[in-house]
Amino acid sequence: GLSDEDGLPVGLQVMAPALREPRMYRVAAAYEFARDIALGGSLIN
């Protein structure tokens, strides 16, 4: 989403153990799904 101070993008970092990338991709994709619903569309637009 965007900072309520300046309207600029903020990032969420998801970290996983070595070679366990699927964990972070699953969590990141789930969050992205929920964020786009909350925002009514993709942030990049």
All heavy atoms as atom14 arrays in JSON, in Angstrom:
{
  "sequence": "GLSDEDGLPVGLQVMAPALREPRMYRVAAAYEFARDIALGGSLIN",
  "atom14_mask": [
    [1, 1, 1, 1, 0, 0, 0, 0, 0, 0, 0, 0, 0, 0],
    [1, 1, 1, 1, 1, 1, 1, 1, 0, 0, 0, 0, 0, 0],
    [1, 1, 1, 1, 1, 1, 0, 0, 0, 0, 0, 0, 0, 0],
    [1, 1, 1, 1, 1, 1, 1, 1, 0, 0, 0, 0, 0, 0],
    [1, 1, 1, 1, 1, 1, 1, 1, 1, 0, 0, 0, 0, 0],
    [1, 1, 1, 1, 1, 1, 1, 1, 0, 0, 0, 0, 0, 0],
    [1, 1, 1, 1, 0, 0, 0, 0, 0, 0, 0, 0, 0, 0],
    [1, 1, 1, 1, 1, 1, 1, 1, 0, 0, 0, 0, 0, 0],
    [1, 1, 1, 1, 1, 1, 1, 0, 0, 0, 0, 0, 0, 0],
    [1, 1, 1, 1, 1, 1, 1, 0, 0, 0, 0, 0, 0, 0],
    [1, 1, 1, 1, 0, 0, 0, 0, 0, 0, 0, 0, 0, 0],
    [1, 1, 1, 1, 1, 1, 1, 1, 0, 0, 0, 0, 0, 0],
    [1, 1, 1, 1, 1, 1, 1, 1, 1, 0, 0, 0, 0, 0],
    [1, 1, 1, 1, 1, 1, 1, 0, 0, 0, 0, 0, 0, 0],
    [1, 1, 1, 1, 1, 1, 1, 1, 0, 0, 0, 0, 0, 0],
    [1, 1, 1, 1, 1, 0, 0, 0, 0, 0, 0, 0, 0, 0],
    [1, 1, 1, 1, 1, 1, 1, 0, 0, 0, 0, 0, 0, 0],
    [1, 1, 1, 1, 1, 0, 0, 0, 0, 0, 0, 0, 0, 0],
    [1, 1, 1, 1, 1, 1, 1, 1, 0, 0, 0, 0, 0, 0],
    [1, 1, 1, 1, 1, 1, 1, 1, 1, 1, 1, 0, 0, 0],
    [1, 1, 1, 1, 1, 1, 1, 1, 1, 0, 0, 0, 0, 0],
    [1, 1, 1, 1, 1, 1, 1, 0, 0, 0, 0, 0, 0, 0],
    [1, 1, 1, 1, 1, 1, 1, 1, 1, 1, 1, 0, 0, 0],
    [1, 1, 1, 1, 1, 1, 1, 1, 0, 0, 0, 0, 0, 0],
    [1, 1, 1, 1, 1, 1, 1, 1, 1, 1, 1, 1, 0, 0],
    [1, 1, 1, 1, 1, 1, 1, 1, 1, 1, 1, 0, 0, 0],
    [1, 1, 1, 1, 1, 1, 1, 0, 0, 0, 0, 0, 0, 0],
    [1, 1, 1, 1, 1, 0, 0, 0, 0, 0, 0, 0, 0, 0],
    [1, 1, 1, 1, 1, 0, 0, 0, 0, 0, 0, 0, 0, 0],
    [1, 1, 1, 1, 1, 0, 0, 0, 0, 0, 0, 0, 0, 0],
    [1, 1, 1, 1, 1, 1, 1, 1, 1, 1, 1, 1, 0, 0],
    [1, 1, 1, 1, 1, 1, 1, 1, 1, 0, 0, 0, 0, 0],
    [1, 1, 1, 1, 1, 1, 1, 1, 1, 1, 1, 0, 0, 0],
    [1, 1, 1, 1, 1, 0, 0, 0, 0, 0, 0, 0, 0, 0],
    [1, 1, 1, 1, 1, 1, 1, 1, 1, 1, 1, 0, 0, 0],
    [1, 1, 1, 1, 1, 1, 1, 1, 0, 0, 0, 0, 0, 0],
    [1, 1, 1, 1, 1, 1, 1, 1, 0, 0, 0, 0, 0, 0],
    [1, 1, 1, 1, 1, 0, 0, 0, 0, 0, 0, 0, 0, 0],
    [1, 1, 1, 1, 1, 1, 1, 1, 0, 0, 0, 0, 0, 0],
    [1, 1, 1, 1, 0, 0, 0, 0, 0, 0, 0, 0, 0, 0],
    [1, 1, 1, 1, 0, 0, 0, 0, 0, 0, 0, 0, 0, 0],
    [1, 1, 1, 1, 1, 1, 0, 0, 0, 0, 0, 0, 0, 0],
    [1, 1, 1, 1, 1, 1, 1, 1, 0, 0, 0, 0, 0, 0],
    [1, 1, 1, 1, 1, 1, 1, 1, 0, 0, 0, 0, 0, 0],
    [1, 1, 1, 1, 1, 1, 1, 1, 0, 0, 0, 0, 0, 0]
  ],
  "atom14_positions": [
    [[0.81, -1.2, 0.0], [0.0, 0.0, 0.0], [0.84, 1.26, 0.0], [2.05, 1.22, -0.27], [0.0, 0.0, 0.0], [0.0, 0.0, 0.0], [0.0, 0.0, 0.0], [0.0, 0.0, 0.0], [0.0, 0.0, 0.0], [0.0, 0.0, 0.0], [0.0, 0.0, 0.0], [0.0, 0.0, 0.0], [0.0, 0.0, 0.0], [0.0, 0.0, 0.0]],
    [[0.19, 2.38, 0.32], [0.85, 3.68, 0.28], [0.91, 4.28, 1.68], [0.0, 4.09, 2.5], [0.08, 4.62, -0.64], [-0.12, 4.14, -2.08], [-0.98, 5.14, -2.86], [1.2, 3.9, -2.78], [0.0, 0.0, 0.0], [0.0, 0.0, 0.0], [0.0, 0.0, 0.0], [0.0, 0.0, 0.0], [0.0, 0.0, 0.0], [0.0, 0.0, 0.0]],
    [[1.99, 5.0, 1.96], [2.13, 5.68, 3.24], [1.08, 6.78, 3.36], [0.84, 7.53, 2.41], [3.53, 6.3, 3.34], [3.6, 7.23, 4.4], [0.0, 0.0, 0.0], [0.0, 0.0, 0.0], [0.0, 0.0, 0.0], [0.0, 0.0, 0.0], [0.0, 0.0, 0.0], [0.0, 0.0, 0.0], [0.0, 0.0, 0.0], [0.0, 0.0, 0.0]],
    [[0.46, 6.88, 4.53], [-0.53, 7.95, 4.73], [0.14, 9.29, 5.0], [-0.54, 10.32, 5.13], [-1.5, 7.6, 5.86], [-0.81, 7.34, 7.2], [0.4, 7.64, 7.32], [-1.47, 6.83, 8.12], [0.0, 0.0, 0.0], [0.0, 0.0, 0.0], [0.0, 0.0, 0.0], [0.0, 0.0, 0.0], [0.0, 0.0, 0.0], [0.0, 0.0, 0.0]],
    [[1.5, 9.3, 5.03], [2.22, 10.56, 5.22], [2.48, 11.27, 3.89], [2.32, 12.48, 3.78], [3.56, 10.3, 5.92], [3.44, 9.9, 7.37], [4.81, 9.7, 7.98], [5.52, 8.76, 7.56], [5.2, 10.49, 8.87], [0.0, 0.0, 0.0], [0.0, 0.0, 0.0], [0.0, 0.0, 0.0], [0.0, 0.0, 0.0], [0.0, 0.0, 0.0]],
    [[2.91, 10.52, 2.88], [3.3, 11.16, 1.62], [2.69, 10.49, 0.39], [2.96, 10.92, -0.74], [4.82, 11.2, 1.48], [5.47, 9.84, 1.7], [4.81, 8.81, 1.47], [6.66, 9.79, 2.1], [0.0, 0.0, 0.0], [0.0, 0.0, 0.0], [0.0, 0.0, 0.0], [0.0, 0.0, 0.0], [0.0, 0.0, 0.0], [0.0, 0.0, 0.0]],
    [[1.89, 9.45, 0.58], [1.24, 8.79, -0.54], [2.16, 7.97, -1.43], [1.8, 7.63, -2.55], [0.0, 0.0, 0.0], [0.0, 0.0, 0.0], [0.0, 0.0, 0.0], [0.0, 0.0, 0.0], [0.0, 0.0, 0.0], [0.0, 0.0, 0.0], [0.0, 0.0, 0.0], [0.0, 0.0, 0.0], [0.0, 0.0, 0.0], [0.0, 0.0, 0.0]],
    [[3.33, 7.62, -0.91], [4.31, 6.85, -1.68], [4.31, 5.38, -1.25], [3.9, 5.06, -0.14], [5.7, 7.45, -1.51], [5.89, 8.85, -2.11], [7.24, 9.42, -1.7], [5.76, 8.81, -3.63], [0.0, 0.0, 0.0], [0.0, 0.0, 0.0], [0.0, 0.0, 0.0], [0.0, 0.0, 0.0], [0.0, 0.0, 0.0], [0.0, 0.0, 0.0]],
    [[4.77, 4.47, -2.13], [4.7, 3.04, -1.84], [5.53, 2.62, -0.63], [6.59, 3.17, -0.34], [5.25, 2.39, -3.11], [5.08, 3.41, -4.17], [5.26, 4.73, -3.5], [0.0, 0.0, 0.0], [0.0, 0.0, 0.0], [0.0, 0.0, 0.0], [0.0, 0.0, 0.0], [0.0, 0.0, 0.0], [0.0, 0.0, 0.0], [0.0, 0.0, 0.0]],
    [[5.01, 1.59, 0.05], [5.67, 0.93, 1.17], [5.79, -0.55, 0.83], [4.91, -1.11, 0.15], [4.85, 1.1, 2.47], [5.47, 0.32, 3.63], [4.74, 2.58, 2.84], [0.0, 0.0, 0.0], [0.0, 0.0, 0.0], [0.0, 0.0, 0.0], [0.0, 0.0, 0.0], [0.0, 0.0, 0.0], [0.0, 0.0, 0.0], [0.0, 0.0, 0.0]],
    [[6.86, -1.19, 1.27], [7.04, -2.61, 0.97], [6.93, -3.49, 2.2], [7.34, -3.1, 3.3], [0.0, 0.0, 0.0], [0.0, 0.0, 0.0], [0.0, 0.0, 0.0], [0.0, 0.0, 0.0], [0.0, 0.0, 0.0], [0.0, 0.0, 0.0], [0.0, 0.0, 0.0], [0.0, 0.0, 0.0], [0.0, 0.0, 0.0], [0.0, 0.0, 0.0]],
    [[6.35, -4.67, 2.02], [6.33, -5.73, 3.03], [7.37, -6.76, 2.65], [7.34, -7.3, 1.54], [4.94, -6.38, 3.09], [4.83, -7.67, 3.92], [4.98, -7.37, 5.41], [3.5, -8.38, 3.64], [0.0, 0.0, 0.0], [0.0, 0.0, 0.0], [0.0, 0.0, 0.0], [0.0, 0.0, 0.0], [0.0, 0.0, 0.0], [0.0, 0.0, 0.0]],
    [[8.31, -7.05, 3.56], [9.33, -8.07, 3.3], [8.92, -9.38, 3.96], [8.55, -9.41, 5.13], [10.69, -7.63, 3.84], [11.79, -8.67, 3.62], [13.15, -8.22, 4.07], [14.14, -8.4, 3.36], [13.24, -7.63, 5.24], [0.0, 0.0, 0.0], [0.0, 0.0, 0.0], [0.0, 0.0, 0.0], [0.0, 0.0, 0.0], [0.0, 0.0, 0.0]],
    [[8.99, -10.46, 3.19], [8.73, -11.81, 3.7], [10.01, -12.62, 3.53], [10.55, -12.71, 2.42], [7.57, -12.49, 2.94], [7.26, -13.84, 3.59], [6.33, -11.6, 2.93], [0.0, 0.0, 0.0], [0.0, 0.0, 0.0], [0.0, 0.0, 0.0], [0.0, 0.0, 0.0], [0.0, 0.0, 0.0], [0.0, 0.0, 0.0], [0.0, 0.0, 0.0]],
    [[10.5, -13.2, 4.62], [11.75, -13.96, 4.62], [11.48, -15.42, 4.94], [10.61, -15.72, 5.76], [12.73, -13.37, 5.64], [13.15, -11.94, 5.35], [13.99, -11.14, 6.75], [12.57, -10.58, 7.72], [0.0, 0.0, 0.0], [0.0, 0.0, 0.0], [0.0, 0.0, 0.0], [0.0, 0.0, 0.0], [0.0, 0.0, 0.0], [0.0, 0.0, 0.0]],
    [[12.25, -16.32, 4.35], [12.07, -17.76, 4.55], [13.42, -18.42, 4.76], [14.47, -17.83, 4.47], [11.35, -18.37, 3.34], [0.0, 0.0, 0.0], [0.0, 0.0, 0.0], [0.0, 0.0, 0.0], [0.0, 0.0, 0.0], [0.0, 0.0, 0.0], [0.0, 0.0, 0.0], [0.0, 0.0, 0.0], [0.0, 0.0, 0.0], [0.0, 0.0, 0.0]],
    [[13.44, -19.67, 5.24], [14.71, -20.39, 5.36], [15.33, -20.67, 3.99], [14.64, -20.63, 2.96], [14.31, -21.7, 6.06], [12.97, -21.45, 6.65], [12.31, -20.45, 5.77], [0.0, 0.0, 0.0], [0.0, 0.0, 0.0], [0.0, 0.0, 0.0], [0.0, 0.0, 0.0], [0.0, 0.0, 0.0], [0.0, 0.0, 0.0], [0.0, 0.0, 0.0]],
    [[16.59, -20.99, 3.97], [17.28, -21.3, 2.72], [16.57, -22.41, 1.96], [16.15, -23.43, 2.55], [18.73, -21.71, 3.01], [0.0, 0.0, 0.0], [0.0, 0.0, 0.0], [0.0, 0.0, 0.0], [0.0, 0.0, 0.0], [0.0, 0.0, 0.0], [0.0, 0.0, 0.0], [0.0, 0.0, 0.0], [0.0, 0.0, 0.0], [0.0, 0.0, 0.0]],
    [[16.38, -22.2, 0.66], [15.73, -23.13, -0.25], [14.26, -23.37, 0.05], [13.65, -24.3, -0.49], [16.47, -24.48, -0.29], [17.91, -24.44, -0.81], [18.56, -25.81, -0.71], [17.95, -23.94, -2.25], [0.0, 0.0, 0.0], [0.0, 0.0, 0.0], [0.0, 0.0, 0.0], [0.0, 0.0, 0.0], [0.0, 0.0, 0.0], [0.0, 0.0, 0.0]],
    [[13.68, -22.52, 0.88], [12.25, -22.64, 1.2], [11.48, -21.46, 0.6], [10.53, -20.96, 1.17], [12.05, -22.71, 2.71], [12.65, -23.93, 3.37], [12.0, -25.23, 2.91], [12.54, -26.39, 3.59], [13.55, -27.13, 3.13], [14.13, -26.8, 1.96], [13.99, -28.18, 3.77], [0.0, 0.0, 0.0], [0.0, 0.0, 0.0], [0.0, 0.0, 0.0]],
    [[11.88, -21.05, -0.6], [11.22, -19.95, -1.3], [9.71, -20.13, -1.45], [8.96, -19.15, -1.39], [11.84, -19.72, -2.67], [13.13, -18.91, -2.65], [14.37, -19.74, -2.58], [14.27, -20.93, -2.17], [15.44, -19.24, -2.92], [0.0, 0.0, 0.0], [0.0, 0.0, 0.0], [0.0, 0.0, 0.0], [0.0, 0.0, 0.0], [0.0, 0.0, 0.0]],
    [[9.21, -21.36, -1.66], [7.76, -21.5, -1.8], [6.97, -20.93, -0.64], [5.87, -20.4, -0.83], [7.57, -23.02, -1.92], [8.83, -23.49, -2.6], [9.91, -22.63, -1.98], [0.0, 0.0, 0.0], [0.0, 0.0, 0.0], [0.0, 0.0, 0.0], [0.0, 0.0, 0.0], [0.0, 0.0, 0.0], [0.0, 0.0, 0.0], [0.0, 0.0, 0.0]],
    [[7.51, -20.99, 0.57], [6.81, -20.42, 1.72], [6.58, -18.92, 1.53], [5.48, -18.41, 1.73], [7.62, -20.65, 2.99], [7.79, -22.06, 3.43], [8.5, -22.09, 4.79], [8.91, -23.43, 5.18], [9.54, -23.7, 6.31], [9.83, -22.7, 7.16], [9.9, -24.94, 6.6], [0.0, 0.0, 0.0], [0.0, 0.0, 0.0], [0.0, 0.0, 0.0]],
    [[7.64, -18.21, 1.16], [7.51, -16.75, 1.05], [6.66, -16.37, -0.15], [5.91, -15.39, -0.09], [8.89, -16.09, 1.0], [9.65, -16.28, -0.28], [11.3, -15.52, -0.2], [11.72, -15.59, -1.96], [0.0, 0.0, 0.0], [0.0, 0.0, 0.0], [0.0, 0.0, 0.0], [0.0, 0.0, 0.0], [0.0, 0.0, 0.0], [0.0, 0.0, 0.0]],
    [[6.73, -17.13, -1.25], [5.89, -16.84, -2.4], [4.42, -17.04, -2.06], [3.56, -16.26, -2.48], [6.28, -17.72, -3.59], [7.39, -17.15, -4.44], [8.69, -17.63, -4.35], [7.14, -16.12, -5.35], [9.71, -17.11, -5.14], [8.16, -15.6, -6.14], [9.44, -16.1, -6.04], [10.44, -15.58, -6.82], [0.0, 0.0, 0.0], [0.0, 0.0, 0.0]],
    [[4.12, -18.08, -1.31], [2.72, -18.33, -0.94], [2.18, -17.2, -0.08], [1.1, -16.67, -0.32], [2.61, -19.66, -0.2], [1.17, -19.97, 0.25], [1.1, -21.18, 1.15], [-0.24, -21.3, 1.73], [-0.54, -22.1, 2.73], [0.4, -22.86, 3.29], [-1.77, -22.14, 3.21], [0.0, 0.0, 0.0], [0.0, 0.0, 0.0], [0.0, 0.0, 0.0]],
    [[2.96, -16.8, 0.93], [2.51, -15.73, 1.83], [2.4, -14.41, 1.09], [1.43, -13.67, 1.24], [3.47, -15.62, 3.04], [3.15, -14.38, 3.87], [3.38, -16.87, 3.91], [0.0, 0.0, 0.0], [0.0, 0.0, 0.0], [0.0, 0.0, 0.0], [0.0, 0.0, 0.0], [0.0, 0.0, 0.0], [0.0, 0.0, 0.0], [0.0, 0.0, 0.0]],
    [[3.39, -14.1, 0.25], [3.38, -12.84, -0.49], [2.2, -12.79, -1.45], [1.54, -11.75, -1.59], [4.69, -12.67, -1.25], [0.0, 0.0, 0.0], [0.0, 0.0, 0.0], [0.0, 0.0, 0.0], [0.0, 0.0, 0.0], [0.0, 0.0, 0.0], [0.0, 0.0, 0.0], [0.0, 0.0, 0.0], [0.0, 0.0, 0.0], [0.0, 0.0, 0.0]],
    [[1.92, -13.9, -2.14], [0.81, -13.93, -3.09], [-0.53, -13.8, -2.37], [-1.45, -13.14, -2.86], [0.86, -15.21, -3.91], [0.0, 0.0, 0.0], [0.0, 0.0, 0.0], [0.0, 0.0, 0.0], [0.0, 0.0, 0.0], [0.0, 0.0, 0.0], [0.0, 0.0, 0.0], [0.0, 0.0, 0.0], [0.0, 0.0, 0.0], [0.0, 0.0, 0.0]],
    [[-0.64, -14.44, -1.21], [-1.89, -14.34, -0.43], [-2.11, -12.91, 0.03], [-3.24, -12.38, -0.03], [-1.84, -15.29, 0.76], [0.0, 0.0, 0.0], [0.0, 0.0, 0.0], [0.0, 0.0, 0.0], [0.0, 0.0, 0.0], [0.0, 0.0, 0.0], [0.0, 0.0, 0.0], [0.0, 0.0, 0.0], [0.0, 0.0, 0.0], [0.0, 0.0, 0.0]],
    [[-1.03, -12.28, 0.5], [-1.16, -10.88, 0.91], [-1.53, -9.99, -0.27], [-2.4, -9.12, -0.17], [0.13, -10.37, 1.56], [0.05, -8.88, 1.77], [-0.77, -8.35, 2.76], [0.71, -8.0, 0.92], [-0.93, -6.99, 2.91], [0.56, -6.64, 1.05], [-0.25, -6.14, 2.06], [-0.42, -4.78, 2.2], [0.0, 0.0, 0.0], [0.0, 0.0, 0.0]],
    [[-0.87, -10.19, -1.41], [-1.15, -9.41, -2.62], [-2.63, -9.54, -3.0], [-3.28, -8.55, -3.36], [-0.26, -9.93, -3.75], [-0.44, -9.23, -5.09], [0.44, -9.86, -6.15], [0.23, -11.06, -6.46], [1.34, -9.18, -6.66], [0.0, 0.0, 0.0], [0.0, 0.0, 0.0], [0.0, 0.0, 0.0], [0.0, 0.0, 0.0], [0.0, 0.0, 0.0]],
    [[-3.17, -10.75, -2.9], [-4.58, -11.0, -3.2], [-5.48, -10.17, -2.28], [-6.41, -9.49, -2.74], [-4.85, -12.5, -3.03], [-6.29, -12.89, -3.09], [-6.94, -13.06, -4.3], [-7.02, -13.11, -1.92], [-8.28, -13.44, -4.36], [-8.36, -13.48, -1.96], [-8.99, -13.64, -3.19], [0.0, 0.0, 0.0], [0.0, 0.0, 0.0], [0.0, 0.0, 0.0]],
    [[-5.17, -10.21, -0.99], [-5.99, -9.46, -0.02], [-5.83, -7.96, -0.2], [-6.81, -7.2, -0.09], [-5.61, -9.87, 1.4], [0.0, 0.0, 0.0], [0.0, 0.0, 0.0], [0.0, 0.0, 0.0], [0.0, 0.0, 0.0], [0.0, 0.0, 0.0], [0.0, 0.0, 0.0], [0.0, 0.0, 0.0], [0.0, 0.0, 0.0], [0.0, 0.0, 0.0]],
    [[-4.63, -7.52, -0.49], [-4.38, -6.08, -0.68], [-5.15, -5.54, -1.87], [-5.77, -4.47, -1.81], [-2.88, -5.86, -0.9], [-2.44, -4.41, -1.09], [-1.16, -4.34, -1.9], [-1.38, -4.78, -3.27], [-0.43, -5.34, -4.03], [0.78, -5.55, -3.55], [-0.72, -5.7, -5.27], [0.0, 0.0, 0.0], [0.0, 0.0, 0.0], [0.0, 0.0, 0.0]],
    [[-5.14, -6.27, -2.98], [-5.84, -5.79, -4.17], [-7.35, -5.73, -3.95], [-8.02, -4.82, -4.47], [-5.52, -6.69, -5.37], [-4.11, -6.46, -5.9], [-3.45, -5.5, -5.43], [-3.67, -7.23, -6.77], [0.0, 0.0, 0.0], [0.0, 0.0, 0.0], [0.0, 0.0, 0.0], [0.0, 0.0, 0.0], [0.0, 0.0, 0.0], [0.0, 0.0, 0.0]],
    [[-7.88, -6.66, -3.17], [-9.31, -6.59, -2.84], [-9.59, -5.35, -2.0], [-10.55, -4.61, -2.24], [-9.76, -7.86, -2.1], [-9.74, -9.06, -3.06], [-11.14, -7.68, -1.49], [-10.09, -10.37, -2.4], [0.0, 0.0, 0.0], [0.0, 0.0, 0.0], [0.0, 0.0, 0.0], [0.0, 0.0, 0.0], [0.0, 0.0, 0.0], [0.0, 0.0, 0.0]],
    [[-8.72, -5.11, -1.0], [-8.92, -3.95, -0.12], [-8.81, -2.63, -0.87], [-9.54, -1.67, -0.58], [-7.91, -3.99, 1.03], [0.0, 0.0, 0.0], [0.0, 0.0, 0.0], [0.0, 0.0, 0.0], [0.0, 0.0, 0.0], [0.0, 0.0, 0.0], [0.0, 0.0, 0.0], [0.0, 0.0, 0.0], [0.0, 0.0, 0.0], [0.0, 0.0, 0.0]],
    [[-7.9, -2.58, -1.86], [-7.68, -1.35, -2.61], [-8.61, -1.21, -3.81], [-8.66, -0.15, -4.44], [-6.22, -1.28, -3.09], [-5.15, -1.13, -2.02], [-3.77, -1.17, -2.65], [-5.32, 0.15, -1.23], [0.0, 0.0, 0.0], [0.0, 0.0, 0.0], [0.0, 0.0, 0.0], [0.0, 0.0, 0.0], [0.0, 0.0, 0.0], [0.0, 0.0, 0.0]],
    [[-9.3, -2.28, -4.14], [-10.18, -2.24, -5.31], [-9.43, -2.28, -6.62], [-9.91, -1.79, -7.64], [0.0, 0.0, 0.0], [0.0, 0.0, 0.0], [0.0, 0.0, 0.0], [0.0, 0.0, 0.0], [0.0, 0.0, 0.0], [0.0, 0.0, 0.0], [0.0, 0.0, 0.0], [0.0, 0.0, 0.0], [0.0, 0.0, 0.0], [0.0, 0.0, 0.0]],
    [[-8.24, -2.89, -6.61], [-7.44, -3.0, -7.82], [-5.96, -3.02, -7.49], [-5.56, -2.84, -6.34], [0.0, 0.0, 0.0], [0.0, 0.0, 0.0], [0.0, 0.0, 0.0], [0.0, 0.0, 0.0], [0.0, 0.0, 0.0], [0.0, 0.0, 0.0], [0.0, 0.0, 0.0], [0.0, 0.0, 0.0], [0.0, 0.0, 0.0], [0.0, 0.0, 0.0]],
    [[-5.14, -3.24, -8.5], [-3.7, -3.33, -8.3], [-3.1, -1.99, -7.91], [-3.45, -0.94, -8.46], [-3.03, -3.83, -9.58], [-1.63, -3.83, -9.44], [0.0, 0.0, 0.0], [0.0, 0.0, 0.0], [0.0, 0.0, 0.0], [0.0, 0.0, 0.0], [0.0, 0.0, 0.0], [0.0, 0.0, 0.0], [0.0, 0.0, 0.0], [0.0, 0.0, 0.0]],
    [[-2.17, -2.02, -6.97], [-1.52, -0.8, -6.5], [-0.76, -0.11, -7.63], [-0.75, 1.12, -7.72], [-0.56, -1.14, -5.36], [0.28, 0.02, -4.81], [-0.6, 0.99, -4.02], [1.4, -0.5, -3.92], [0.0, 0.0, 0.0], [0.0, 0.0, 0.0], [0.0, 0.0, 0.0], [0.0, 0.0, 0.0], [0.0, 0.0, 0.0], [0.0, 0.0, 0.0]],
    [[-0.14, -0.89, -8.51], [0.72, -0.3, -9.54], [-0.07, 0.59, -10.48], [0.48, 1.52, -11.1], [1.46, -1.41, -10.32], [2.64, -0.82, -11.11], [0.53, -2.16, -11.24], [3.76, -0.28, -10.26], [0.0, 0.0, 0.0], [0.0, 0.0, 0.0], [0.0, 0.0, 0.0], [0.0, 0.0, 0.0], [0.0, 0.0, 0.0], [0.0, 0.0, 0.0]],
    [[-1.37, 0.37, -10.6], [-2.18, 1.2, -11.49], [-2.4, 2.61, -10.95], [-3.0, 3.44, -11.62], [-3.53, 0.52, -11.75], [-3.39, -0.69, -12.64], [-2.51, -0.75, -13.49], [-4.23, -1.69, -12.44], [0.0, 0.0, 0.0], [0.0, 0.0, 0.0], [0.0, 0.0, 0.0], [0.0, 0.0, 0.0], [0.0, 0.0, 0.0], [0.0, 0.0, 0.0]]
  ]
}
